[in-house]
Amino acid sequence: MAIPGATGNERLDTMHNVLQTGRVGLLLLVPGRPTTLRVDGRACVSARPVLLAQLTPVGTPPVTARQRLAAGAVDAC
């Protein structure tokens, strides 16, 4: 899972937390449902061009992305 750095979600405290701990916790709201989805685990801040290009639906690629790493994954940052 990768979340692009875009206007409105470039919170420095979040990036600092990921850089310091190597972990992330996300609480995702599901529109129209009374439930939420929690995602947590190892994470990193990545500036790899290949990853950032995949996160560009329109316009220019983001400068960074927070990436949640799968359990047992080789460090992809």
N, C-alpha and C. Protein backbone atom coordinates (compact mmCIF):
# COMPACT_ATOMS: atom_id res chain seq x y z
N MET A 1 0.86 -1.15 0.00
CA MET A 1 0.00 0.00 0.00
C MET A 1 0.91 1.22 0.00
N ALA A 2 0.62 2.18 -0.85
CA ALA A 2 1.40 3.41 -0.91
C ALA A 2 0.44 4.59 -0.93
N ILE A 3 0.76 5.61 -0.16
CA ILE A 3 -0.04 6.83 -0.10
C ILE A 3 0.82 7.97 -0.62
N PRO A 4 0.42 8.58 -1.73
CA PRO A 4 1.24 9.65 -2.29
C PRO A 4 1.21 10.90 -1.43
N GLY A 5 2.34 11.59 -1.39
CA GLY A 5 2.39 12.88 -0.74
C GLY A 5 1.71 13.88 -1.65
N ALA A 6 0.61 14.46 -1.21
CA ALA A 6 -0.15 15.41 -2.02
C ALA A 6 -0.60 16.55 -1.14
N THR A 7 -1.06 17.62 -1.76
CA THR A 7 -1.55 18.77 -1.00
C THR A 7 -2.60 18.29 -0.01
N GLY A 8 -2.38 18.60 1.25
CA GLY A 8 -3.34 18.22 2.28
C GLY A 8 -2.95 17.01 3.09
N ASN A 9 -2.08 16.13 2.57
CA ASN A 9 -1.69 14.96 3.38
C ASN A 9 -0.18 14.91 3.62
N GLU A 10 0.51 15.98 3.41
CA GLU A 10 1.96 16.06 3.67
C GLU A 10 2.21 16.53 5.10
N ARG A 11 1.67 15.83 6.06
CA ARG A 11 1.85 16.22 7.46
C ARG A 11 3.25 15.83 7.91
N LEU A 12 4.02 16.83 8.35
CA LEU A 12 5.39 16.57 8.76
C LEU A 12 5.47 15.68 9.99
N ASP A 13 4.51 15.79 10.91
CA ASP A 13 4.55 14.94 12.10
C ASP A 13 4.37 13.47 11.72
N THR A 14 3.54 13.19 10.72
CA THR A 14 3.35 11.82 10.26
C THR A 14 4.62 11.28 9.64
N MET A 15 5.25 12.05 8.75
CA MET A 15 6.50 11.60 8.14
C MET A 15 7.57 11.39 9.20
N HIS A 16 7.64 12.31 10.16
CA HIS A 16 8.62 12.19 11.25
C HIS A 16 8.40 10.89 12.01
N ASN A 17 7.14 10.58 12.33
CA ASN A 17 6.83 9.35 13.06
C ASN A 17 7.26 8.11 12.27
N VAL A 18 6.98 8.09 10.98
CA VAL A 18 7.37 6.94 10.15
C VAL A 18 8.89 6.82 10.10
N LEU A 19 9.59 7.94 9.92
CA LEU A 19 11.05 7.91 9.86
C LEU A 19 11.65 7.46 11.19
N GLN A 20 11.07 7.89 12.30
CA GLN A 20 11.60 7.55 13.62
C GLN A 20 11.33 6.10 14.01
N THR A 21 10.12 5.61 13.72
CA THR A 21 9.72 4.29 14.21
C THR A 21 9.73 3.19 13.16
N GLY A 22 9.64 3.58 11.87
CA GLY A 22 9.55 2.58 10.81
C GLY A 22 8.21 1.86 10.81
N ARG A 23 7.20 2.49 11.44
CA ARG A 23 5.87 1.88 11.53
C ARG A 23 4.81 2.92 11.20
N VAL A 24 3.61 2.42 10.82
CA VAL A 24 2.50 3.30 10.50
C VAL A 24 1.20 2.66 10.97
N GLY A 25 0.25 3.50 11.32
CA GLY A 25 -1.10 3.04 11.64
C GLY A 25 -2.09 3.95 10.94
N LEU A 26 -2.98 3.37 10.18
CA LEU A 26 -3.98 4.13 9.43
C LEU A 26 -5.37 3.67 9.84
N LEU A 27 -6.28 4.61 9.99
CA LEU A 27 -7.67 4.28 10.24
C LEU A 27 -8.44 4.84 9.05
N LEU A 28 -8.97 3.95 8.21
CA LEU A 28 -9.64 4.34 6.99
C LEU A 28 -11.15 4.32 7.19
N LEU A 29 -11.80 5.39 6.77
CA LEU A 29 -13.26 5.46 6.84
C LEU A 29 -13.84 4.89 5.56
N VAL A 30 -14.87 4.08 5.69
CA VAL A 30 -15.52 3.48 4.53
C VAL A 30 -16.82 4.25 4.29
N PRO A 31 -16.90 5.04 3.19
CA PRO A 31 -18.11 5.84 2.95
C PRO A 31 -19.38 4.98 2.91
N GLY A 32 -20.41 5.47 3.58
CA GLY A 32 -21.70 4.78 3.57
C GLY A 32 -21.79 3.60 4.51
N ARG A 33 -20.73 3.34 5.26
CA ARG A 33 -20.74 2.20 6.19
C ARG A 33 -20.39 2.68 7.60
N PRO A 34 -20.91 2.02 8.59
CA PRO A 34 -20.61 2.41 9.97
C PRO A 34 -19.31 1.78 10.49
N THR A 35 -18.50 1.23 9.59
CA THR A 35 -17.28 0.56 10.01
C THR A 35 -16.05 1.31 9.52
N THR A 36 -14.92 0.96 10.09
CA THR A 36 -13.63 1.50 9.67
C THR A 36 -12.69 0.34 9.37
N LEU A 37 -11.61 0.64 8.69
CA LEU A 37 -10.59 -0.36 8.38
C LEU A 37 -9.28 0.13 8.96
N ARG A 38 -8.64 -0.68 9.80
CA ARG A 38 -7.35 -0.32 10.39
C ARG A 38 -6.25 -1.07 9.67
N VAL A 39 -5.21 -0.33 9.26
CA VAL A 39 -4.03 -0.90 8.62
C VAL A 39 -2.83 -0.44 9.43
N ASP A 40 -2.01 -1.37 9.89
CA ASP A 40 -0.80 -0.97 10.59
C ASP A 40 0.32 -1.95 10.30
N GLY A 41 1.54 -1.50 10.53
CA GLY A 41 2.70 -2.35 10.30
C GLY A 41 3.93 -1.53 9.94
N ARG A 42 4.92 -2.21 9.39
CA ARG A 42 6.17 -1.55 8.99
C ARG A 42 5.90 -0.59 7.84
N ALA A 43 6.64 0.53 7.82
CA ALA A 43 6.43 1.52 6.76
C ALA A 43 7.72 2.30 6.53
N CYS A 44 7.73 3.04 5.42
CA CYS A 44 8.86 3.91 5.12
C CYS A 44 8.37 5.07 4.27
N VAL A 45 9.20 6.09 4.16
CA VAL A 45 8.94 7.20 3.24
C VAL A 45 9.84 6.95 2.04
N SER A 46 9.25 6.89 0.86
CA SER A 46 10.00 6.54 -0.34
C SER A 46 9.98 7.69 -1.35
N ALA A 47 11.08 7.85 -2.07
CA ALA A 47 11.16 8.82 -3.17
C ALA A 47 11.56 8.11 -4.46
N ARG A 48 11.31 6.79 -4.53
CA ARG A 48 11.67 6.03 -5.73
C ARG A 48 10.80 6.45 -6.91
N PRO A 49 11.40 6.89 -8.02
CA PRO A 49 10.64 7.36 -9.18
C PRO A 49 9.66 6.33 -9.73
N VAL A 50 10.01 5.04 -9.71
CA VAL A 50 9.12 4.00 -10.24
C VAL A 50 7.83 3.95 -9.42
N LEU A 51 7.94 4.00 -8.12
CA LEU A 51 6.76 3.99 -7.26
C LEU A 51 5.95 5.27 -7.44
N LEU A 52 6.60 6.42 -7.42
CA LEU A 52 5.90 7.70 -7.52
C LEU A 52 5.17 7.85 -8.85
N ALA A 53 5.73 7.33 -9.92
CA ALA A 53 5.08 7.41 -11.24
C ALA A 53 3.76 6.63 -11.25
N GLN A 54 3.70 5.55 -10.47
CA GLN A 54 2.47 4.75 -10.41
C GLN A 54 1.37 5.45 -9.61
N LEU A 55 1.73 6.47 -8.84
CA LEU A 55 0.79 7.17 -7.98
C LEU A 55 0.34 8.49 -8.58
N THR A 56 0.49 8.65 -9.89
CA THR A 56 0.18 9.91 -10.56
C THR A 56 -0.98 9.73 -11.52
N PRO A 57 -2.23 9.84 -11.04
CA PRO A 57 -3.36 9.70 -11.96
C PRO A 57 -3.45 10.86 -12.95
N VAL A 58 -3.16 12.08 -12.48
CA VAL A 58 -3.20 13.27 -13.33
C VAL A 58 -2.15 14.24 -12.80
N GLY A 59 -1.42 14.87 -13.70
CA GLY A 59 -0.46 15.87 -13.27
C GLY A 59 0.92 15.31 -13.03
N THR A 60 1.66 15.97 -12.16
CA THR A 60 3.04 15.58 -11.91
C THR A 60 3.10 14.58 -10.76
N PRO A 61 4.12 13.72 -10.76
CA PRO A 61 4.27 12.74 -9.67
C PRO A 61 4.50 13.43 -8.33
N PRO A 62 4.06 12.80 -7.23
CA PRO A 62 4.34 13.36 -5.91
C PRO A 62 5.84 13.27 -5.62
N VAL A 63 6.31 14.06 -4.67
CA VAL A 63 7.73 14.07 -4.30
C VAL A 63 8.07 12.86 -3.44
N THR A 64 7.16 12.47 -2.56
CA THR A 64 7.37 11.31 -1.68
C THR A 64 6.08 10.52 -1.56
N ALA A 65 6.23 9.33 -0.99
CA ALA A 65 5.06 8.51 -0.67
C ALA A 65 5.37 7.72 0.60
N ARG A 66 4.34 7.54 1.43
CA ARG A 66 4.48 6.66 2.58
C ARG A 66 4.04 5.29 2.12
N GLN A 67 4.88 4.30 2.41
CA GLN A 67 4.63 2.96 1.89
C GLN A 67 4.54 1.98 3.03
N ARG A 68 3.44 1.22 3.08
CA ARG A 68 3.28 0.17 4.10
C ARG A 68 3.88 -1.08 3.52
N LEU A 69 4.81 -1.71 4.23
CA LEU A 69 5.50 -2.88 3.74
C LEU A 69 4.80 -4.14 4.21
N ALA A 70 4.63 -5.10 3.33
CA ALA A 70 4.00 -6.37 3.66
C ALA A 70 4.89 -7.16 4.63
N ALA A 71 4.27 -7.96 5.46
CA ALA A 71 5.01 -8.79 6.41
C ALA A 71 6.00 -9.66 5.65
N GLY A 72 7.24 -9.67 6.09
CA GLY A 72 8.26 -10.49 5.45
C GLY A 72 8.84 -9.89 4.19
N ALA A 73 8.40 -8.68 3.81
CA ALA A 73 8.89 -8.05 2.59
C ALA A 73 10.31 -7.57 2.77
N VAL A 74 11.07 -7.64 1.70
CA VAL A 74 12.41 -7.08 1.71
C VAL A 74 12.25 -5.57 1.69
N ASP A 75 13.11 -4.85 2.39
CA ASP A 75 13.01 -3.38 2.47
C ASP A 75 12.99 -2.80 1.07
N ALA A 76 11.87 -2.16 0.71
CA ALA A 76 11.68 -1.64 -0.64
C ALA A 76 11.85 -0.13 -0.71
N CYS A 77 12.39 0.47 0.32
CA CYS A 77 12.48 1.93 0.33
C CYS A 77 13.79 2.45 -0.14
